[in-house]
Each structure stands twice: as structure tokens, then as C-alpha cells.
C-alpha atoms as a PDB file:
ATOM      1  CA  UNK A   1     -78.554  73.207  10.879  1.00  0.00           C
ATOM      2  CA  UNK A   2     -79.730  76.594  10.308  1.00  0.00           C
ATOM      3  CA  UNK A   3     -82.899  77.634  12.490  1.00  0.00           C
ATOM      4  CA  UNK A   4     -86.004  80.658  11.455  1.00  0.00           C
ATOM      5  CA  UNK A   5     -86.472  82.118  14.762  1.00  0.00           C
ATOM      6  CA  UNK A   6     -89.753  84.908  14.475  1.00  0.00           C
ATOM      7  CA  UNK A   7     -89.161  87.366  17.127  1.00  0.00           C
ATOM      8  CA  UNK A   8     -91.690  90.089  18.269  1.00  0.00           C
ATOM      9  CA  UNK A   9     -90.411  93.015  20.395  1.00  0.00           C
ATOM     10  CA  UNK A  10     -91.892  96.287  21.420  1.00  0.00           C
ATOM     11  CA  UNK A  11     -91.098  98.661  18.841  1.00  0.00           C
ATOM     12  CA  UNK A  12     -87.972 101.171  20.621  1.00  0.00           C
ATOM     13  CA  UNK A  13     -84.574 101.633  21.035  1.00  0.00           C
ATOM     14  CA  UNK A  14     -82.397  98.770  22.540  1.00  0.00           C
ATOM     15  CA  UNK A  15     -84.618  95.863  21.733  1.00  0.00           C
ATOM     16  CA  UNK A  16     -81.718  95.228  19.276  1.00  0.00           C
ATOM     17  CA  UNK A  17     -79.161  96.401  21.313  1.00  0.00           C
ATOM     18  CA  UNK A  18     -80.439  93.568  23.644  1.00  0.00           C
ATOM     19  CA  UNK A  19     -81.337  91.099  21.644  1.00  0.00           C
ATOM     20  CA  UNK A  20     -77.931  90.961  19.977  1.00  0.00           C
ATOM     21  CA  UNK A  21     -76.067  91.543  23.319  1.00  0.00           C
ATOM     22  CA  UNK A  22     -77.804  88.321  23.782  1.00  0.00           C
ATOM     23  CA  UNK A  23     -76.927  85.822  21.686  1.00  0.00           C
ATOM     24  CA  UNK A  24     -72.961  87.479  21.495  1.00  0.00           C
ATOM     25  CA  UNK A  25     -73.049  86.948  25.162  1.00  0.00           C
ATOM     26  CA  UNK A  26     -74.351  83.462  25.563  1.00  0.00           C
ATOM     27  CA  UNK A  27     -71.325  82.497  22.220  1.00  0.00           C
ATOM     28  CA  UNK A  28     -73.875  82.262  19.609  1.00  0.00           C
ATOM     29  CA  UNK A  29     -73.371  83.242  16.410  1.00  0.00           C
ATOM     30  CA  UNK A  30     -76.552  85.153  14.351  1.00  0.00           C
ATOM     31  CA  UNK A  31     -76.049  83.737  10.623  1.00  0.00           C
ATOM     32  CA  UNK A  32     -78.875  86.440   9.337  1.00  0.00           C
ATOM     33  CA  UNK A  33     -81.321  88.878  11.345  1.00  0.00           C
ATOM     34  CA  UNK A  34     -83.633  91.054   9.842  1.00  0.00           C
ATOM     35  CA  UNK A  35     -86.399  93.454  11.818  1.00  0.00           C
ATOM     36  CA  UNK A  36     -88.780  95.711  10.854  1.00  0.00           C
ATOM     37  CA  UNK A  37     -92.049  97.356  11.982  1.00  0.00           C
ATOM     38  CA  UNK A  38     -95.367  95.305  12.032  1.00  0.00           C
ATOM     39  CA  UNK A  39     -98.630  96.511  10.459  1.00  0.00           C
ATOM     40  CA  UNK A  40     -98.689  97.840  14.388  1.00  0.00           C
ATOM     41  CA  UNK A  41     -96.375 100.719  14.662  1.00  0.00           C
ATOM     42  CA  UNK A  42     -95.487  99.481  18.387  1.00  0.00           C
ATOM     43  CA  UNK A  43     -94.522  96.036  17.670  1.00  0.00           C
ATOM     44  CA  UNK A  44     -90.889  95.180  15.221  1.00  0.00           C
ATOM     45  CA  UNK A  45     -90.635  91.801  13.828  1.00  0.00           C
ATOM     46  CA  UNK A  46     -87.081  89.981  13.777  1.00  0.00           C
ATOM     47  CA  UNK A  47     -86.080  87.419  11.797  1.00  0.00           C
ATOM     48  CA  UNK A  48     -83.097  85.751  12.699  1.00  0.00           C
ATOM     49  CA  UNK A  49     -80.952  82.694  11.407  1.00  0.00           C
ATOM     50  CA  UNK A  50     -78.921  81.040  13.666  1.00  0.00           C
ATOM     51  CA  UNK A  51     -77.274  77.206  13.364  1.00  0.00           C
ATOM     52  CA  UNK A  52     -77.495  74.931  16.265  1.00  0.00           C
ATOM     53  CA  UNK A  53     -78.691  71.460  17.298  1.00  0.00           C
ATOM     54  CA  UNK A  54     -82.363  71.476  19.047  1.00  0.00           C
ATOM     55  CA  UNK A  55     -80.169  72.048  22.778  1.00  0.00           C
ATOM     56  CA  UNK A  56     -78.883  75.057  21.444  1.00  0.00           C
ATOM     57  CA  UNK A  57     -82.022  76.470  19.722  1.00  0.00           C
ATOM     58  CA  UNK A  58     -84.385  75.464  23.264  1.00  0.00           C
ATOM     59  CA  UNK A  59     -81.882  77.885  24.825  1.00  0.00           C
ATOM     60  CA  UNK A  60     -81.814  80.483  22.043  1.00  0.00           C
ATOM     61  CA  UNK A  61     -85.626  80.423  22.707  1.00  0.00           C
ATOM     62  CA  UNK A  62     -85.897  80.257  26.099  1.00  0.00           C
ATOM     63  CA  UNK A  63     -83.803  83.224  26.348  1.00  0.00           C
ATOM     64  CA  UNK A  64     -85.037  85.163  23.895  1.00  0.00           C
ATOM     65  CA  UNK A  65     -88.603  84.633  26.177  1.00  0.00           C
ATOM     66  CA  UNK A  66     -86.879  86.149  29.251  1.00  0.00           C
ATOM     67  CA  UNK A  67     -86.618  89.261  27.229  1.00  0.00           C
ATOM     68  CA  UNK A  68     -88.330  92.372  28.874  1.00  0.00           C
ATOM     69  CA  UNK A  69     -89.350  93.787  25.330  1.00  0.00           C
ATOM     70  CA  UNK A  70     -89.907  90.203  23.422  1.00  0.00           C
ATOM     71  CA  UNK A  71     -93.724  89.802  22.924  1.00  0.00           C
ATOM     72  CA  UNK A  72     -93.205  86.517  21.466  1.00  0.00           C
ATOM     73  CA  UNK A  73     -90.873  83.568  19.932  1.00  0.00           C
ATOM     74  CA  UNK A  74     -91.321  80.598  17.322  1.00  0.00           C
ATOM     75  CA  UNK A  75     -88.738  78.737  15.734  1.00  0.00           C
ATOM     76  CA  UNK A  76     -90.184  78.450  11.825  1.00  0.00           C
ATOM     77  CA  UNK A  77     -87.701  76.215  10.590  1.00  0.00           C
ATOM     78  CA  UNK A  78     -90.061  73.367  10.429  1.00  0.00           C
ATOM     79  CA  UNK A  79     -93.331  74.571   9.117  1.00  0.00           C
ATOM     80  CA  UNK A  80     -94.775  76.030   5.902  1.00  0.00           C
ATOM     81  CA  UNK A  81     -93.148  79.558   5.558  1.00  0.00           C
ATOM     82  CA  UNK A  82     -92.803  81.462   2.563  1.00  0.00           C
ATOM     83  CA  UNK A  83     -88.816  82.971   2.937  1.00  0.00           C
ATOM     84  CA  UNK A  84     -87.416  85.796   0.975  1.00  0.00           C
ATOM     85  CA  UNK A  85     -84.145  87.695   0.851  1.00  0.00           C
ATOM     86  CA  UNK A  86     -83.964  90.759  -1.534  1.00  0.00           C
ATOM     87  CA  UNK A  87     -79.833  91.502  -2.811  1.00  0.00           C
ATOM     88  CA  UNK A  88     -78.366  94.897  -4.286  1.00  0.00           C
ATOM     89  CA  UNK A  89     -75.692  93.538  -6.827  1.00  0.00           C
ATOM     90  CA  UNK A  90     -73.469  96.476  -8.503  1.00  0.00           C
ATOM     91  CA  UNK A  91     -71.365  95.045 -11.299  1.00  0.00           C
ATOM     92  CA  UNK A  92     -69.185  96.375 -14.236  1.00  0.00           C
ATOM     93  CA  UNK A  93     -71.363  97.120 -17.270  1.00  0.00           C
ATOM     94  CA  UNK A  94     -69.544  98.403 -20.171  1.00  0.00           C
ATOM     95  CA  UNK A  95     -71.432  98.081 -24.355  1.00  0.00           C
ATOM     96  CA  UNK A  96     -69.862  94.544 -25.230  1.00  0.00           C
ATOM     97  CA  UNK A  97     -72.038  92.882 -21.668  1.00  0.00           C
ATOM     98  CA  UNK A  98     -74.828  94.441 -20.721  1.00  0.00           C
ATOM     99  CA  UNK A  99     -76.705  92.219 -23.228  1.00  0.00           C
ATOM    100  CA  UNK A 100     -75.296  89.385 -21.418  1.00  0.00           C
ATOM    101  CA  UNK A 101     -75.848  90.528 -18.066  1.00  0.00           C
ATOM    102  CA  UNK A 102     -79.635  91.818 -18.952  1.00  0.00           C
ATOM    103  CA  UNK A 103     -80.427  87.918 -19.504  1.00  0.00           C
ATOM    104  CA  UNK A 104     -79.460  86.381 -16.594  1.00  0.00           C
ATOM    105  CA  UNK A 105     -81.029  88.972 -14.753  1.00  0.00           C
ATOM    106  CA  UNK A 106     -84.524  88.194 -17.144  1.00  0.00           C
ATOM    107  CA  UNK A 107     -84.023  84.540 -16.024  1.00  0.00           C
ATOM    108  CA  UNK A 108     -83.847  85.439 -12.328  1.00  0.00           C
ATOM    109  CA  UNK A 109     -86.528  87.906 -12.434  1.00  0.00           C
ATOM    110  CA  UNK A 110     -83.831  90.109 -11.221  1.00  0.00           C
ATOM    111  CA  UNK A 111     -84.106  94.146 -12.390  1.00  0.00           C
ATOM    112  CA  UNK A 112     -81.868  96.735 -13.269  1.00  0.00           C
ATOM    113  CA  UNK A 113     -82.709  99.437 -10.748  1.00  0.00           C
ATOM    114  CA  UNK A 114     -79.816 101.989 -11.921  1.00  0.00           C
ATOM    115  CA  UNK A 115     -77.098 101.564 -15.049  1.00  0.00           C
ATOM    116  CA  UNK A 116     -74.090 103.886 -15.815  1.00  0.00           C
ATOM    117  CA  UNK A 117     -71.351 103.858 -18.240  1.00  0.00           C
ATOM    118  CA  UNK A 118     -69.287 101.940 -16.277  1.00  0.00           C
ATOM    119  CA  UNK A 119     -71.781  99.476 -13.713  1.00  0.00           C
ATOM    120  CA  UNK A 120     -75.435  98.471 -13.319  1.00  0.00           C
ATOM    121  CA  UNK A 121     -76.666  98.248 -10.399  1.00  0.00           C
ATOM    122  CA  UNK A 122     -79.881  95.118 -10.048  1.00  0.00           C
ATOM    123  CA  UNK A 123     -82.192  93.939  -7.567  1.00  0.00           C
ATOM    124  CA  UNK A 124     -83.416  90.828  -6.916  1.00  0.00           C
ATOM    125  CA  UNK A 125     -85.689  88.873  -4.406  1.00  0.00           C
ATOM    126  CA  UNK A 126     -85.995  85.433  -3.766  1.00  0.00           C
ATOM    127  CA  UNK A 127     -84.773  82.537  -1.628  1.00  0.00           C
ATOM    128  CA  UNK A 128     -81.486  81.999  -0.500  1.00  0.00           C
ATOM    129  CA  UNK A 129     -80.032  79.448  -3.002  1.00  0.00           C
ATOM    130  CA  UNK A 130     -82.202  81.908  -6.043  1.00  0.00           C
ATOM    131  CA  UNK A 131     -79.815  84.554  -4.867  1.00  0.00           C
ATOM    132  CA  UNK A 132     -76.927  82.230  -4.567  1.00  0.00           C
ATOM    133  CA  UNK A 133     -76.968  80.852  -7.521  1.00  0.00           C
ATOM    134  CA  UNK A 134     -77.143  84.656  -9.407  1.00  0.00           C
ATOM    135  CA  UNK A 135     -74.383  85.299  -8.329  1.00  0.00           C
ATOM    136  CA  UNK A 136     -72.773  82.584  -9.382  1.00  0.00           C
ATOM    137  CA  UNK A 137     -73.738  82.976 -12.823  1.00  0.00           C
ATOM    138  CA  UNK A 138     -73.020  87.120 -13.018  1.00  0.00           C
ATOM    139  CA  UNK A 139     -69.152  86.393 -10.537  1.00  0.00           C
ATOM    140  CA  UNK A 140     -67.738  86.733 -14.327  1.00  0.00           C
ATOM    141  CA  UNK A 141     -68.870  90.344 -14.796  1.00  0.00           C
ATOM    142  CA  UNK A 142     -66.769  91.738 -12.170  1.00  0.00           C
ATOM    143  CA  UNK A 143     -68.966  92.071  -9.047  1.00  0.00           C
ATOM    144  CA  UNK A 144     -68.012  95.859  -7.092  1.00  0.00           C
ATOM    145  CA  UNK A 145     -70.408  95.388  -4.571  1.00  0.00           C
ATOM    146  CA  UNK A 146     -73.476  93.288  -3.226  1.00  0.00           C
ATOM    147  CA  UNK A 147     -75.591  94.017  -0.424  1.00  0.00           C
ATOM    148  CA  UNK A 148     -78.085  91.653   1.489  1.00  0.00           C
ATOM    149  CA  UNK A 149     -81.336  92.079   4.088  1.00  0.00           C
ATOM    150  CA  UNK A 150     -80.815  88.416   5.620  1.00  0.00           C
ATOM    151  CA  UNK A 151     -83.563  86.786   5.304  1.00  0.00           C
ATOM    152  CA  UNK A 152     -87.235  87.297   6.165  1.00  0.00           C
ATOM    153  CA  UNK A 153     -90.468  84.393   6.659  1.00  0.00           C
ATOM    154  CA  UNK A 154     -93.694  84.299   6.918  1.00  0.00           C
ATOM    155  CA  UNK A 155     -95.647  81.466   8.203  1.00  0.00           C
ATOM    156  CA  UNK A 156     -98.561  80.333   5.323  1.00  0.00           C
ATOM    157  CA  UNK A 157    -101.269  78.913   7.667  1.00  0.00           C
ATOM    158  CA  UNK A 158    -100.767  80.697  10.663  1.00  0.00           C
ATOM    159  CA  UNK A 159     -99.734  83.925  12.385  1.00  0.00           C
ATOM    160  CA  UNK A 160     -97.484  84.933  14.564  1.00  0.00           C
ATOM    161  CA  UNK A 161     -99.434  88.052  16.968  1.00  0.00           C
ATOM    162  CA  UNK A 162     -98.705  89.720  19.873  1.00  0.00           C
ATOM    163  CA  UNK A 163    -101.524  89.263  22.401  1.00  0.00           C
ATOM    164  CA  UNK A 164    -104.261  91.940  22.803  1.00  0.00           C
ATOM    165  CA  UNK A 165    -103.047  95.444  24.483  1.00  0.00           C
ATOM    166  CA  UNK A 166    -105.027  94.180  27.679  1.00  0.00           C
ATOM    167  CA  UNK A 167    -103.467  90.888  28.010  1.00  0.00           C
ATOM    168  CA  UNK A 168    -100.448  92.410  26.866  1.00  0.00           C
ATOM    169  CA  UNK A 169    -100.075  94.685  29.545  1.00  0.00           C
ATOM    170  CA  UNK A 170    -100.655  92.011  32.170  1.00  0.00           C
ATOM    171  CA  UNK A 171     -97.801  90.004  30.330  1.00  0.00           C
ATOM    172  CA  UNK A 172     -95.572  93.009  30.651  1.00  0.00           C
ATOM    173  CA  UNK A 173     -96.240  93.689  34.258  1.00  0.00           C
ATOM    174  CA  UNK A 174     -95.485  89.614  34.819  1.00  0.00           C
ATOM    175  CA  UNK A 175     -92.490  89.896  33.352  1.00  0.00           C
ATOM    176  CA  UNK A 176     -90.984  93.038  34.938  1.00  0.00           C
ATOM    177  CA  UNK A 177     -91.885  91.951  37.944  1.00  0.00           C
ATOM    178  CA  UNK A 178     -90.099  88.259  37.576  1.00  0.00           C
ATOM    179  CA  UNK A 179     -93.537  85.869  38.168  1.00  0.00           C
ATOM    180  CA  UNK A 180     -94.515  84.038  35.803  1.00  0.00           C
END
């Protein structure tokens, strides 16, 4: 089963490598990984999509929590969440098929972000299913390039928050010294 794991981490170099290394060292695959700075420039949020049963996901969560740079970890798979992905799609386009392409793009509420005499580039945001469905409808138009961000997710009714600066400092010292 696919799981969506939200991770707040300290925003500095090497954190992404340590998180990815944790997965590879234990033989876990990352299906999707999106990382970005939060409203606090000292904190980044990772959305990791990984497959596994409850035992595997529990192990991943525990191992992530042990990393010094990790502030908090939460599996939001069964929570009420908003999930989105961004995709850029470049495809062959000419005078005869542009209207058909635009019809598909409009149906999926996408945007045409670039046009050349031979190609069109489209931007679409939505669920993984929406993007997969659009890509399927666009296949006959000769897809040239597809770039997907990976999924991001946010709980609707609660927030994944970093502890206050004072509490975070105490928590960091305990983690660094190996105490809990």
C-alpha cells in the first residue's frame, strides 16, 4: 500500500541526502519525494510517498524520527488531506491538432504555458489520477517530454508544526546526546 509521509526537517545542506540514504540503506524505495521551504525559512517540509505494509512504514517513521535534522514525522495516509501534483507536458502540436489539444487541456483545467511552431507545453495540477488520465488522453499527440513534481500533501484540519524555538532547542540537544 502507498503511504504519504510528511516530514519537517531543518533547512540546511545534507538533510535530503541523509533522508534518502536512510531509505536506500534499508532497502526501501521512494516512489515520490517533494521538498520545499515552509513559511519558516529554517524549516523544510518533505512529502515522501513510499510503499509498504504497516510494519515497514512504522520502521521508516521510527528511523526518520531518529535523524538529528528531523523535527517531526507523520503518516498522513489515512487522514483527511489535500494532495496535489504538478506536471509539465511538452507535446507535438501543429495547426491541425492544436484545437484538439486545447480541448483536452481545458477539460482538465490545465494551462498552456508555451507554444512554438512544432510544440505546446502544458501545466496541470491535481491528483495523481487526474494527471494520469490527462496523460493518457494526450498520448496520441506524441508526448515529447513529461516532468512531474511528485505529490505534496497537507492535512485539512490539523497542522504539522515544528515545536517552538525553545522546545526545539531542548529537543535537538537531547537527540544529539542520544537522550530521549
